[in-house]
PDB file of N, CA and C in Angstrom:
ATOM      1  N   MET A   1     -15.318   5.578  -7.083  1.00  0.00           N
ATOM      2  CA  MET A   1     -14.012   5.458  -6.477  1.00  0.00           C
ATOM      3  C   MET A   1     -14.093   5.950  -5.029  1.00  0.00           C
ATOM      4  N   HIS A   2     -13.533   5.183  -4.110  1.00  0.00           N
ATOM      5  CA  HIS A   2     -13.554   5.528  -2.695  1.00  0.00           C
ATOM      6  C   HIS A   2     -12.522   6.610  -2.407  1.00  0.00           C
ATOM      7  N   GLN A   3     -12.934   7.626  -1.666  1.00  0.00           N
ATOM      8  CA  GLN A   3     -12.001   8.685  -1.306  1.00  0.00           C
ATOM      9  C   GLN A   3     -11.542   8.488   0.125  1.00  0.00           C
ATOM     10  N   HIS A   4     -10.255   8.722   0.359  1.00  0.00           N
ATOM     11  CA  HIS A   4      -9.713   8.654   1.714  1.00  0.00           C
ATOM     12  C   HIS A   4     -10.059   9.941   2.442  1.00  0.00           C
ATOM     13  N   SER A   5     -10.257   9.848   3.750  1.00  0.00           N
ATOM     14  CA  SER A   5     -10.670  11.027   4.494  1.00  0.00           C
ATOM     15  C   SER A   5      -9.566  12.080   4.568  1.00  0.00           C
ATOM     16  N   HIS A   6      -8.361  11.713   4.903  1.00  0.00           N
ATOM     17  CA  HIS A   6      -7.271  12.680   5.004  1.00  0.00           C
ATOM     18  C   HIS A   6      -6.022  12.189   4.291  1.00  0.00           C
ATOM     19  N   GLY A   7      -5.606  11.021   4.622  1.00  0.00           N
ATOM     20  CA  GLY A   7      -4.378  10.502   4.051  1.00  0.00           C
ATOM     21  C   GLY A   7      -4.347   8.997   4.134  1.00  0.00           C
ATOM     22  N   TYR A   8      -3.297   8.449   3.604  1.00  0.00           N
ATOM     23  CA  TYR A   8      -3.169   6.998   3.556  1.00  0.00           C
ATOM     24  C   TYR A   8      -3.065   6.404   4.950  1.00  0.00           C
ATOM     25  N   ALA A   9      -2.180   6.935   5.772  1.00  0.00           N
ATOM     26  CA  ALA A   9      -1.973   6.412   7.124  1.00  0.00           C
ATOM     27  C   ALA A   9      -2.387   7.478   8.129  1.00  0.00           C
ATOM     28  N   GLU A  10      -3.372   7.150   8.927  1.00  0.00           N
ATOM     29  CA  GLU A  10      -3.863   8.069   9.948  1.00  0.00           C
ATOM     30  C   GLU A  10      -3.875   7.348  11.285  1.00  0.00           C
ATOM     31  N   PRO A  11      -3.603   8.060  12.388  1.00  0.00           N
ATOM     32  CA  PRO A  11      -3.633   7.414  13.706  1.00  0.00           C
ATOM     33  C   PRO A  11      -4.945   6.689  13.988  1.00  0.00           C
ATOM     34  N   SER A  12      -6.052   7.220  13.489  1.00  0.00           N
ATOM     35  CA  SER A  12      -7.352   6.583  13.736  1.00  0.00           C
ATOM     36  C   SER A  12      -7.454   5.207  13.073  1.00  0.00           C
ATOM     37  N   ASP A  13      -6.599   4.942  12.098  1.00  0.00           N
ATOM     38  CA  ASP A  13      -6.616   3.629  11.441  1.00  0.00           C
ATOM     39  C   ASP A  13      -6.314   2.497  12.419  1.00  0.00           C
ATOM     40  N   LEU A  14      -5.608   2.820  13.507  1.00  0.00           N
ATOM     41  CA  LEU A  14      -5.278   1.784  14.490  1.00  0.00           C
ATOM     42  C   LEU A  14      -6.535   1.173  15.104  1.00  0.00           C
ATOM     43  N   GLN A  15      -7.649   1.892  15.039  1.00  0.00           N
ATOM     44  CA  GLN A  15      -8.908   1.355  15.554  1.00  0.00           C
ATOM     45  C   GLN A  15      -9.342   0.113  14.779  1.00  0.00           C
ATOM     46  N   ARG A  16      -8.831  -0.052  13.586  1.00  0.00           N
ATOM     47  CA  ARG A  16      -9.172  -1.226  12.772  1.00  0.00           C
ATOM     48  C   ARG A  16      -8.564  -2.516  13.333  1.00  0.00           C
ATOM     49  N   ALA A  17      -7.686  -2.391  14.300  1.00  0.00           N
ATOM     50  CA  ALA A  17      -7.101  -3.583  14.917  1.00  0.00           C
ATOM     51  C   ALA A  17      -8.190  -4.476  15.496  1.00  0.00           C
ATOM     52  N   ARG A  18      -9.236  -3.864  16.041  1.00  0.00           N
ATOM     53  CA  ARG A  18     -10.347  -4.662  16.584  1.00  0.00           C
ATOM     54  C   ARG A  18     -10.992  -5.505  15.492  1.00  0.00           C
ATOM     55  N   GLN A  19     -11.169  -4.908  14.326  1.00  0.00           N
ATOM     56  CA  GLN A  19     -11.767  -5.625  13.196  1.00  0.00           C
ATOM     57  C   GLN A  19     -10.871  -6.793  12.784  1.00  0.00           C
ATOM     58  N   VAL A  20      -9.585  -6.545  12.685  1.00  0.00           N
ATOM     59  CA  VAL A  20      -8.644  -7.609  12.322  1.00  0.00           C
ATOM     60  C   VAL A  20      -8.688  -8.710  13.382  1.00  0.00           C
ATOM     61  N   GLY A  21      -8.781  -8.319  14.650  1.00  0.00           N
ATOM     62  CA  GLY A  21      -8.861  -9.292  15.737  1.00  0.00           C
ATOM     63  C   GLY A  21     -10.098 -10.163  15.653  1.00  0.00           C
ATOM     64  N   ARG A  22     -11.218  -9.573  15.267  1.00  0.00           N
ATOM     65  CA  ARG A  22     -12.451 -10.355  15.107  1.00  0.00           C
ATOM     66  C   ARG A  22     -12.354 -11.305  13.916  1.00  0.00           C
ATOM     67  N   LEU A  23     -11.697 -10.882  12.863  1.00  0.00           N
ATOM     68  CA  LEU A  23     -11.615 -11.695  11.644  1.00  0.00           C
ATOM     69  C   LEU A  23     -10.591 -12.825  11.743  1.00  0.00           C
ATOM     70  N   ALA A  24      -9.567 -12.641  12.565  1.00  0.00           N
ATOM     71  CA  ALA A  24      -8.523 -13.666  12.739  1.00  0.00           C
ATOM     72  C   ALA A  24      -8.184 -13.753  14.229  1.00  0.00           C
ATOM     73  N   PRO A  25      -9.124 -14.269  15.040  1.00  0.00           N
ATOM     74  CA  PRO A  25      -8.966 -14.204  16.493  1.00  0.00           C
ATOM     75  C   PRO A  25      -7.771 -14.970  17.054  1.00  0.00           C
ATOM     76  N   GLU A  26      -7.486 -16.150  16.528  1.00  0.00           N
ATOM     77  CA  GLU A  26      -6.354 -16.922  17.062  1.00  0.00           C
ATOM     78  C   GLU A  26      -5.031 -16.238  16.760  1.00  0.00           C
ATOM     79  N   GLU A  27      -4.882 -15.784  15.536  1.00  0.00           N
ATOM     80  CA  GLU A  27      -3.653 -15.110  15.137  1.00  0.00           C
ATOM     81  C   GLU A  27      -3.470 -13.810  15.913  1.00  0.00           C
ATOM     82  N   PHE A  28      -4.577 -13.083  16.083  1.00  0.00           N
ATOM     83  CA  PHE A  28      -4.514 -11.815  16.805  1.00  0.00           C
ATOM     84  C   PHE A  28      -4.147 -12.044  18.266  1.00  0.00           C
ATOM     85  N   ALA A  29      -4.720 -13.073  18.877  1.00  0.00           N
ATOM     86  CA  ALA A  29      -4.404 -13.390  20.273  1.00  0.00           C
ATOM     87  C   ALA A  29      -2.930 -13.752  20.428  1.00  0.00           C
ATOM     88  N   ALA A  30      -2.404 -14.518  19.480  1.00  0.00           N
ATOM     89  CA  ALA A  30      -0.983 -14.878  19.529  1.00  0.00           C
ATOM     90  C   ALA A  30      -0.113 -13.636  19.386  1.00  0.00           C
ATOM     91  N   TRP A  31      -0.488 -12.747  18.467  1.00  0.00           N
ATOM     92  CA  TRP A  31       0.270 -11.509  18.275  1.00  0.00           C
ATOM     93  C   TRP A  31       0.209 -10.649  19.533  1.00  0.00           C
ATOM     94  N   GLN A  32      -0.972 -10.550  20.141  1.00  0.00           N
ATOM     95  CA  GLN A  32      -1.116  -9.760  21.367  1.00  0.00           C
ATOM     96  C   GLN A  32      -0.256 -10.319  22.487  1.00  0.00           C
ATOM     97  N   SER A  33      -0.235 -11.635  22.642  1.00  0.00           N
ATOM     98  CA  SER A  33       0.593 -12.259  23.678  1.00  0.00           C
ATOM     99  C   SER A  33       2.063 -11.951  23.451  1.00  0.00           C
ATOM    100  N   PHE A  34       2.503 -12.065  22.212  1.00  0.00           N
ATOM    101  CA  PHE A  34       3.889 -11.757  21.864  1.00  0.00           C
ATOM    102  C   PHE A  34       4.192 -10.293  22.183  1.00  0.00           C
ATOM    103  N   GLN A  35       3.285  -9.411  21.801  1.00  0.00           N
ATOM    104  CA  GLN A  35       3.466  -7.974  22.043  1.00  0.00           C
ATOM    105  C   GLN A  35       3.563  -7.676  23.534  1.00  0.00           C
ATOM    106  N   GLU A  36       2.736  -8.342  24.338  1.00  0.00           N
ATOM    107  CA  GLU A  36       2.751  -8.121  25.785  1.00  0.00           C
ATOM    108  C   GLU A  36       4.075  -8.553  26.396  1.00  0.00           C
ATOM    109  N   VAL A  37       4.635  -9.656  25.937  1.00  0.00           N
ATOM    110  CA  VAL A  37       5.932 -10.111  26.440  1.00  0.00           C
ATOM    111  C   VAL A  37       7.015  -9.107  26.068  1.00  0.00           C
ATOM    112  N   VAL A  38       6.991  -8.661  24.835  1.00  0.00           N
ATOM    113  CA  VAL A  38       7.996  -7.704  24.366  1.00  0.00           C
ATOM    114  C   VAL A  38       7.867  -6.373  25.109  1.00  0.00           C
ATOM    115  N   ASP A  39       6.653  -5.962  25.421  1.00  0.00           N
ATOM    116  CA  ASP A  39       6.412  -4.676  26.080  1.00  0.00           C
ATOM    117  C   ASP A  39       6.564  -4.717  27.600  1.00  0.00           C
ATOM    118  N   ARG A  40       6.900  -5.866  28.141  1.00  0.00           N
ATOM    119  CA  ARG A  40       6.971  -5.957  29.600  1.00  0.00           C
ATOM    120  C   ARG A  40       8.046  -5.008  30.139  1.00  0.00           C
ATOM    121  N   GLY A  41       7.869  -4.612  31.367  1.00  0.00           N
ATOM    122  CA  GLY A  41       8.808  -3.682  31.977  1.00  0.00           C
ATOM    123  C   GLY A  41       9.870  -4.341  32.824  1.00  0.00           C
ATOM    124  N   ASN A  42       9.811  -5.653  32.986  1.00  0.00           N
ATOM    125  CA  ASN A  42      10.733  -6.321  33.899  1.00  0.00           C
ATOM    126  C   ASN A  42      11.789  -7.160  33.190  1.00  0.00           C
ATOM    127  N   GLY A  43      12.058  -6.896  31.929  1.00  0.00           N
ATOM    128  CA  GLY A  43      13.070  -7.650  31.197  1.00  0.00           C
ATOM    129  C   GLY A  43      14.465  -7.119  31.481  1.00  0.00           C
ATOM    130  N   SER A  44      15.446  -7.781  30.944  1.00  0.00           N
ATOM    131  CA  SER A  44      16.832  -7.340  31.096  1.00  0.00           C
ATOM    132  C   SER A  44      17.087  -6.018  30.387  1.00  0.00           C
ATOM    133  N   VAL A  45      16.378  -5.781  29.301  1.00  0.00           N
ATOM    134  CA  VAL A  45      16.492  -4.511  28.577  1.00  0.00           C
ATOM    135  C   VAL A  45      15.416  -3.573  29.125  1.00  0.00           C
ATOM    136  N   PRO A  46      15.813  -2.448  29.716  1.00  0.00           N
ATOM    137  CA  PRO A  46      14.824  -1.522  30.270  1.00  0.00           C
ATOM    138  C   PRO A  46      13.847  -1.024  29.206  1.00  0.00           C
ATOM    139  N   ARG A  47      12.646  -0.702  29.640  1.00  0.00           N
ATOM    140  CA  ARG A  47      11.574  -0.295  28.732  1.00  0.00           C
ATOM    141  C   ARG A  47      11.988   0.883  27.851  1.00  0.00           C
ATOM    142  N   LYS A  48      12.712   1.839  28.409  1.00  0.00           N
ATOM    143  CA  LYS A  48      13.166   2.996  27.635  1.00  0.00           C
ATOM    144  C   LYS A  48      13.953   2.541  26.412  1.00  0.00           C
ATOM    145  N   TYR A  49      14.857   1.597  26.594  1.00  0.00           N
ATOM    146  CA  TYR A  49      15.684   1.116  25.484  1.00  0.00           C
ATOM    147  C   TYR A  49      14.890   0.233  24.531  1.00  0.00           C
ATOM    148  N   ARG A  50      13.928  -0.496  25.068  1.00  0.00           N
ATOM    149  CA  ARG A  50      13.047  -1.289  24.192  1.00  0.00           C
ATOM    150  C   ARG A  50      12.304  -0.360  23.232  1.00  0.00           C
ATOM    151  N   GLU A  51      11.857   0.773  23.748  1.00  0.00           N
ATOM    152  CA  GLU A  51      11.136   1.727  22.901  1.00  0.00           C
ATOM    153  C   GLU A  51      12.061   2.357  21.863  1.00  0.00           C
ATOM    154  N   LEU A  52      13.303   2.649  22.233  1.00  0.00           N
ATOM    155  CA  LEU A  52      14.256   3.189  21.260  1.00  0.00           C
ATOM    156  C   LEU A  52      14.540   2.171  20.160  1.00  0.00           C
ATOM    157  N   VAL A  53      14.661   0.903  20.534  1.00  0.00           N
ATOM    158  CA  VAL A  53      14.854  -0.154  19.527  1.00  0.00           C
ATOM    159  C   VAL A  53      13.629  -0.220  18.620  1.00  0.00           C
ATOM    160  N   ALA A  54      12.447  -0.181  19.218  1.00  0.00           N
ATOM    161  CA  ALA A  54      11.213  -0.239  18.427  1.00  0.00           C
ATOM    162  C   ALA A  54      11.131   0.938  17.453  1.00  0.00           C
ATOM    163  N   ILE A  55      11.550   2.111  17.900  1.00  0.00           N
ATOM    164  CA  ILE A  55      11.542   3.277  17.012  1.00  0.00           C
ATOM    165  C   ILE A  55      12.527   3.081  15.871  1.00  0.00           C
ATOM    166  N   ALA A  56      13.716   2.586  16.179  1.00  0.00           N
ATOM    167  CA  ALA A  56      14.713   2.354  15.123  1.00  0.00           C
ATOM    168  C   ALA A  56      14.184   1.367  14.087  1.00  0.00           C
ATOM    169  N   VAL A  57      13.542   0.306  14.543  1.00  0.00           N
ATOM    170  CA  VAL A  57      12.967  -0.672  13.614  1.00  0.00           C
ATOM    171  C   VAL A  57      11.834  -0.029  12.814  1.00  0.00           C
ATOM    172  N   ALA A  58      10.985   0.730  13.483  1.00  0.00           N
ATOM    173  CA  ALA A  58       9.877   1.398  12.790  1.00  0.00           C
ATOM    174  C   ALA A  58      10.385   2.370  11.729  1.00  0.00           C
ATOM    175  N   LEU A  59      11.499   3.026  12.019  1.00  0.00           N
ATOM    176  CA  LEU A  59      12.086   3.927  11.025  1.00  0.00           C
ATOM    177  C   LEU A  59      12.567   3.155   9.805  1.00  0.00           C
ATOM    178  N   THR A  60      13.187   2.006  10.032  1.00  0.00           N
ATOM    179  CA  THR A  60      13.723   1.253   8.894  1.00  0.00           C
ATOM    180  C   THR A  60      12.632   0.517   8.129  1.00  0.00           C
ATOM    181  N   THR A  61      11.561   0.128   8.816  1.00  0.00           N
ATOM    182  CA  THR A  61      10.451  -0.531   8.118  1.00  0.00           C
ATOM    183  C   THR A  61       9.427   0.490   7.625  1.00  0.00           C
ATOM    184  N   GLN A  62       9.604   1.732   8.028  1.00  0.00           N
ATOM    185  CA  GLN A  62       8.739   2.847   7.639  1.00  0.00           C
ATOM    186  C   GLN A  62       7.284   2.617   8.045  1.00  0.00           C
ATOM    187  N   CYS A  63       7.107   2.189   9.283  1.00  0.00           N
ATOM    188  CA  CYS A  63       5.769   1.947   9.826  1.00  0.00           C
ATOM    189  C   CYS A  63       5.316   3.178  10.609  1.00  0.00           C
ATOM    190  N   SER A  64       4.460   3.987  10.002  1.00  0.00           N
ATOM    191  CA  SER A  64       4.016   5.221  10.652  1.00  0.00           C
ATOM    192  C   SER A  64       3.211   4.943  11.919  1.00  0.00           C
ATOM    193  N   TYR A  65       2.450   3.868  11.921  1.00  0.00           N
ATOM    194  CA  TYR A  65       1.679   3.520  13.114  1.00  0.00           C
ATOM    195  C   TYR A  65       2.618   3.159  14.261  1.00  0.00           C
ATOM    196  N   CYS A  66       3.649   2.382  13.958  1.00  0.00           N
ATOM    197  CA  CYS A  66       4.631   1.998  14.976  1.00  0.00           C
ATOM    198  C   CYS A  66       5.332   3.232  15.530  1.00  0.00           C
ATOM    199  N   LEU A  67       5.677   4.166  14.646  1.00  0.00           N
ATOM    200  CA  LEU A  67       6.320   5.400  15.098  1.00  0.00           C
ATOM    201  C   LEU A  67       5.413   6.160  16.054  1.00  0.00           C
ATOM    202  N   ASP A  68       4.140   6.232  15.739  1.00  0.00           N
ATOM    203  CA  ASP A  68       3.187   6.936  16.591  1.00  0.00           C
ATOM    204  C   ASP A  68       3.133   6.291  17.973  1.00  0.00           C
ATOM    205  N   VAL A  69       2.921   4.999  18.006  1.00  0.00           N
ATOM    206  CA  VAL A  69       2.779   4.279  19.273  1.00  0.00           C
ATOM    207  C   VAL A  69       4.079   4.319  20.079  1.00  0.00           C
ATOM    208  N   HIS A  70       5.195   4.032  19.434  1.00  0.00           N
ATOM    209  CA  HIS A  70       6.451   3.897  20.182  1.00  0.00           C
ATOM    210  C   HIS A  70       7.086   5.232  20.564  1.00  0.00           C
ATOM    211  N   THR A  71       6.848   6.295  19.805  1.00  0.00           N
ATOM    212  CA  THR A  71       7.357   7.593  20.271  1.00  0.00           C
ATOM    213  C   THR A  71       6.572   8.056  21.497  1.00  0.00           C
ATOM    214  N   ALA A  72       5.281   7.770  21.530  1.00  0.00           N
ATOM    215  CA  ALA A  72       4.483   8.106  22.720  1.00  0.00           C
ATOM    216  C   ALA A  72       4.980   7.317  23.927  1.00  0.00           C
ATOM    217  N   GLN A  73       5.200   6.013  23.738  1.00  0.00           N
ATOM    218  CA  GLN A  73       5.705   5.179  24.835  1.00  0.00           C
ATOM    219  C   GLN A  73       7.112   5.608  25.253  1.00  0.00           C
ATOM    220  N   ALA A  74       7.939   5.942  24.280  1.00  0.00           N
ATOM    221  CA  ALA A  74       9.313   6.365  24.580  1.00  0.00           C
ATOM    222  C   ALA A  74       9.299   7.609  25.461  1.00  0.00           C
ATOM    223  N   ARG A  75       8.465   8.545  25.108  1.00  0.00           N
ATOM    224  CA  ARG A  75       8.379   9.779  25.901  1.00  0.00           C
ATOM    225  C   ARG A  75       7.921   9.464  27.324  1.00  0.00           C
ATOM    226  N   ARG A  76       6.932   8.581  27.460  1.00  0.00           N
ATOM    227  CA  ARG A  76       6.451   8.180  28.793  1.00  0.00           C
ATOM    228  C   ARG A  76       7.543   7.517  29.616  1.00  0.00           C
ATOM    229  N   HIS A  77       8.460   6.842  28.948  1.00  0.00           N
ATOM    230  CA  HIS A  77       9.511   6.108  29.660  1.00  0.00           C
ATOM    231  C   HIS A  77      10.831   6.873  29.716  1.00  0.00           C
ATOM    232  N   GLY A  78      10.785   8.172  29.473  1.00  0.00           N
ATOM    233  CA  GLY A  78      11.938   9.018  29.724  1.00  0.00           C
ATOM    234  C   GLY A  78      12.907   9.244  28.580  1.00  0.00           C
ATOM    235  N   VAL A  79      12.555   8.845  27.376  1.00  0.00           N
ATOM    236  CA  VAL A  79      13.430   9.102  26.228  1.00  0.00           C
ATOM    237  C   VAL A  79      13.424  10.608  25.955  1.00  0.00           C
ATOM    238  N   THR A  80      14.611  11.164  25.757  1.00  0.00           N
ATOM    239  CA  THR A  80      14.723  12.591  25.472  1.00  0.00           C
ATOM    240  C   THR A  80      14.677  12.838  23.964  1.00  0.00           C
ATOM    241  N   ALA A  81      14.421  14.080  23.596  1.00  0.00           N
ATOM    242  CA  ALA A  81      14.416  14.456  22.177  1.00  0.00           C
ATOM    243  C   ALA A  81      15.795  14.222  21.566  1.00  0.00           C
ATOM    244  N   GLU A  82      16.847  14.454  22.337  1.00  0.00           N
ATOM    245  CA  GLU A  82      18.208  14.231  21.840  1.00  0.00           C
ATOM    246  C   GLU A  82      18.460  12.755  21.567  1.00  0.00           C
ATOM    247  N   GLU A  83      17.993  11.886  22.462  1.00  0.00           N
ATOM    248  CA  GLU A  83      18.147  10.440  22.244  1.00  0.00           C
ATOM    249  C   GLU A  83      17.387  10.002  20.999  1.00  0.00           C
ATOM    250  N   LEU A  84      16.178  10.511  20.844  1.00  0.00           N
ATOM    251  CA  LEU A  84      15.376  10.175  19.671  1.00  0.00           C
ATOM    252  C   LEU A  84      16.077  10.633  18.396  1.00  0.00           C
ATOM    253  N   ALA A  85      16.613  11.844  18.404  1.00  0.00           N
ATOM    254  CA  ALA A  85      17.305  12.361  17.219  1.00  0.00           C
ATOM    255  C   ALA A  85      18.500  11.482  16.854  1.00  0.00           C
ATOM    256  N   GLU A  86      19.258  11.032  17.847  1.00  0.00           N
ATOM    257  CA  GLU A  86      20.401  10.163  17.564  1.00  0.00           C
ATOM    258  C   GLU A  86      19.951   8.826  16.993  1.00  0.00           C
ATOM    259  N   VAL A  87      18.856   8.282  17.520  1.00  0.00           N
ATOM    260  CA  VAL A  87      18.333   7.010  17.021  1.00  0.00           C
ATOM    261  C   VAL A  87      17.916   7.137  15.557  1.00  0.00           C
ATOM    262  N   VAL A  88      17.388   8.291  15.180  1.00  0.00           N
ATOM    263  CA  VAL A  88      17.028   8.514  13.775  1.00  0.00           C
ATOM    264  C   VAL A  88      18.248   8.284  12.886  1.00  0.00           C
ATOM    265  N   PHE A  89      19.394   8.814  13.300  1.00  0.00           N
ATOM    266  CA  PHE A  89      20.597   8.669  12.480  1.00  0.00           C
ATOM    267  C   PHE A  89      21.213   7.277  12.586  1.00  0.00           C
ATOM    268  N   VAL A  90      21.103   6.645  13.752  1.00  0.00           N
ATOM    269  CA  VAL A  90      21.573   5.257  13.874  1.00  0.00           C
ATOM    270  C   VAL A  90      20.783   4.374  12.911  1.00  0.00           C
ATOM    271  N   ALA A  91      19.459   4.514  12.922  1.00  0.00           N
ATOM    272  CA  ALA A  91      18.617   3.704  12.028  1.00  0.00           C
ATOM    273  C   ALA A  91      18.935   4.003  10.569  1.00  0.00           C
ATOM    274  N   GLY A  92      19.126   5.261  10.251  1.00  0.00           N
ATOM    275  CA  GLY A  92      19.454   5.632   8.876  1.00  0.00           C
ATOM    276  C   GLY A  92      20.771   5.037   8.424  1.00  0.00           C
ATOM    277  N   ALA A  93      21.764   5.060   9.305  1.00  0.00           N
ATOM    278  CA  ALA A  93      23.073   4.498   8.960  1.00  0.00           C
ATOM    279  C   ALA A  93      22.992   2.986   8.788  1.00  0.00           C
ATOM    280  N   VAL A  94      22.235   2.321   9.659  1.00  0.00           N
ATOM    281  CA  VAL A  94      22.084   0.867   9.536  1.00  0.00           C
ATOM    282  C   VAL A  94      21.363   0.528   8.237  1.00  0.00           C
ATOM    283  N   ARG A  95      20.341   1.281   7.910  1.00  0.00           N
ATOM    284  CA  ARG A  95      19.626   1.023   6.647  1.00  0.00           C
ATOM    285  C   ARG A  95      20.548   1.246   5.454  1.00  0.00           C
ATOM    286  N   ALA A  96      21.363   2.291   5.512  1.00  0.00           N
ATOM    287  CA  ALA A  96      22.328   2.536   4.436  1.00  0.00           C
ATOM    288  C   ALA A  96      23.350   1.404   4.376  1.00  0.00           C
ATOM    289  N   GLY A  97      23.758   0.903   5.536  1.00  0.00           N
ATOM    290  CA  GLY A  97      24.679  -0.235   5.572  1.00  0.00           C
ATOM    291  C   GLY A  97      24.063  -1.468   4.951  1.00  0.00           C
ATOM    292  N   GLY A  98      22.769  -1.655   5.185  1.00  0.00           N
ATOM    293  CA  GLY A  98      22.066  -2.778   4.561  1.00  0.00           C
ATOM    294  C   GLY A  98      22.055  -2.656   3.052  1.00  0.00           C
ATOM    295  N   ALA A  99      21.884  -1.433   2.564  1.00  0.00           N
ATOM    296  CA  ALA A  99      21.920  -1.216   1.113  1.00  0.00           C
ATOM    297  C   ALA A  99      23.307  -1.540   0.571  1.00  0.00           C
ATOM    298  N   LEU A 100      24.339  -1.135   1.292  1.00  0.00           N
ATOM    299  CA  LEU A 100      25.702  -1.456   0.865  1.00  0.00           C
ATOM    300  C   LEU A 100      25.919  -2.967   0.874  1.00  0.00           C
ATOM    301  N   ALA A 101      25.485  -3.641   1.939  1.00  0.00           N
ATOM    302  CA  ALA A 101      25.658  -5.095   2.019  1.00  0.00           C
ATOM    303  C   ALA A 101      24.960  -5.792   0.855  1.00  0.00           C
ATOM    304  N   HIS A 102      23.752  -5.358   0.535  1.00  0.00           N
ATOM    305  CA  HIS A 102      23.055  -5.951  -0.606  1.00  0.00           C
ATOM    306  C   HIS A 102      23.719  -5.555  -1.916  1.00  0.00           C
ATOM    307  N   GLY A 103      24.315  -4.375  -1.934  1.00  0.00           N
ATOM    308  CA  GLY A 103      25.074  -3.966  -3.111  1.00  0.00           C
ATOM    309  C   GLY A 103      26.256  -4.878  -3.369  1.00  0.00           C
ATOM    310  N   LEU A 104      26.903  -5.323  -2.298  1.00  0.00           N
ATOM    311  CA  LEU A 104      28.014  -6.271  -2.442  1.00  0.00           C
ATOM    312  C   LEU A 104      27.519  -7.580  -3.043  1.00  0.00           C
ATOM    313  N   GLN A 105      26.336  -8.016  -2.595  1.00  0.00           N
ATOM    314  CA  GLN A 105      25.749  -9.231  -3.160  1.00  0.00           C
ATOM    315  C   GLN A 105      25.385  -9.023  -4.627  1.00  0.00           C
ATOM    316  N   ALA A 106      24.873  -7.832  -4.950  1.00  0.00           N
ATOM    317  CA  ALA A 106      24.536  -7.529  -6.344  1.00  0.00           C
ATOM    318  C   ALA A 106      25.781  -7.590  -7.224  1.00  0.00           C
ATOM    319  N   MET A 107      26.907  -7.086  -6.706  1.00  0.00           N
ATOM    320  CA  MET A 107      28.156  -7.140  -7.473  1.00  0.00           C
ATOM    321  C   MET A 107      28.568  -8.596  -7.712  1.00  0.00           C
ATOM    322  N   LYS A 108      28.436  -9.421  -6.672  1.00  0.00           N
ATOM    323  CA  LYS A 108      28.778 -10.838  -6.803  1.00  0.00           C
ATOM    324  C   LYS A 108      27.868 -11.508  -7.827  1.00  0.00           C
ATOM    325  N   LEU A 109      26.574 -11.226  -7.757  1.00  0.00           N
ATOM    326  CA  LEU A 109      25.630 -11.801  -8.717  1.00  0.00           C
ATOM    327  C   LEU A 109      25.924 -11.318 -10.131  1.00  0.00           C
ATOM    328  N   TYR A 110      26.257 -10.043 -10.261  1.00  0.00           N
ATOM    329  CA  TYR A 110      26.598  -9.483 -11.562  1.00  0.00           C
ATOM    330  C   TYR A 110      27.791 -10.227 -12.160  1.00  0.00           C
ATOM    331  N   ASP A 111      28.819 -10.421 -11.344  1.00  0.00           N
ATOM    332  CA  ASP A 111      29.996 -11.160 -11.820  1.00  0.00           C
ATOM    333  C   ASP A 111      29.624 -12.581 -12.209  1.00  0.00           C
ATOM    334  N   GLY A 112      28.744 -13.208 -11.431  1.00  0.00           N
ATOM    335  CA  GLY A 112      28.298 -14.563 -11.746  1.00  0.00           C
ATOM    336  C   GLY A 112      27.519 -14.618 -13.045  1.00  0.00           C
ATOM    337  N   HIS A 113      26.694 -13.629 -13.291  1.00  0.00           N
ATOM    338  CA  HIS A 113      25.943 -13.577 -14.550  1.00  0.00           C
ATOM    339  C   HIS A 113      26.883 -13.384 -15.730  1.00  0.00           C
ATOM    340  N   SER A 114      27.943 -12.635 -15.517  1.00  0.00           N
ATOM    341  CA  SER A 114      28.932 -12.416 -16.577  1.00  0.00           C
ATOM    342  C   SER A 114      29.587 -13.741 -16.954  1.00  0.00           C
ATOM    343  N   ALA A 115      29.930 -14.526 -15.941  1.00  0.00           N
ATOM    344  CA  ALA A 115      30.551 -15.830 -16.198  1.00  0.00           C
ATOM    345  C   ALA A 115      29.566 -16.749 -16.913  1.00  0.00           C
ATOM    346  N   THR A 116      28.288 -16.694 -16.519  1.00  0.00           N
ATOM    347  CA  THR A 116      27.263 -17.514 -17.157  1.00  0.00           C
ATOM    348  C   THR A 116      27.034 -17.067 -18.595  1.00  0.00           C
ATOM    349  N   SER A 117      26.997 -15.753 -18.823  1.00  0.00           N
ATOM    350  CA  SER A 117      26.761 -15.213 -20.171  1.00  0.00           C
ATOM    351  C   SER A 117      27.865 -15.603 -21.134  1.00  0.00           C
ATOM    352  N   SER A 118      29.096 -15.651 -20.657  1.00  0.00           N
ATOM    353  CA  SER A 118      30.213 -15.970 -21.556  1.00  0.00           C
ATOM    354  C   SER A 118      30.213 -17.445 -21.956  1.00  0.00           C
ATOM    355  N   ARG A 119      29.508 -18.291 -21.177  1.00  0.00           N
ATOM    356  CA  ARG A 119      29.432 -19.718 -21.513  1.00  0.00           C
ATOM    357  C   ARG A 119      28.357 -19.993 -22.549  1.00  0.00           C
ATOM    358  N   SER A 120      27.419 -19.078 -22.747  1.00  0.00           N
ATOM    359  CA  SER A 120      26.303 -19.308 -23.681  1.00  0.00           C
ATOM    360  C   SER A 120      26.751 -19.282 -25.108  1.00  0.00           C
TER     361      SER A 120
END
């Protein structure tokens, strides 16, 4: 059985991106191009806010690598600890809202199954 060196997700794991790039070069190149456009500094949305959005998404998708990369970039682009803390709660509230929205759909499906069950 293979043992992990420290944990499941480690910052050094990002070095494997080169391996993925070699194994799927066209896809990796397309992803890199997309990433470069998104990371540009001359868009309508300033880089600081792009990084806050990226952090919020990383929090909701629970991507530890994304959190590592984007918190470093956010700090470089002037994001304060207070702004980061607020984004944590914005992302949490949106994720909770998503659970509620899906809960509403679950209630609708439940009612639909009840109607279907009574016809059997």
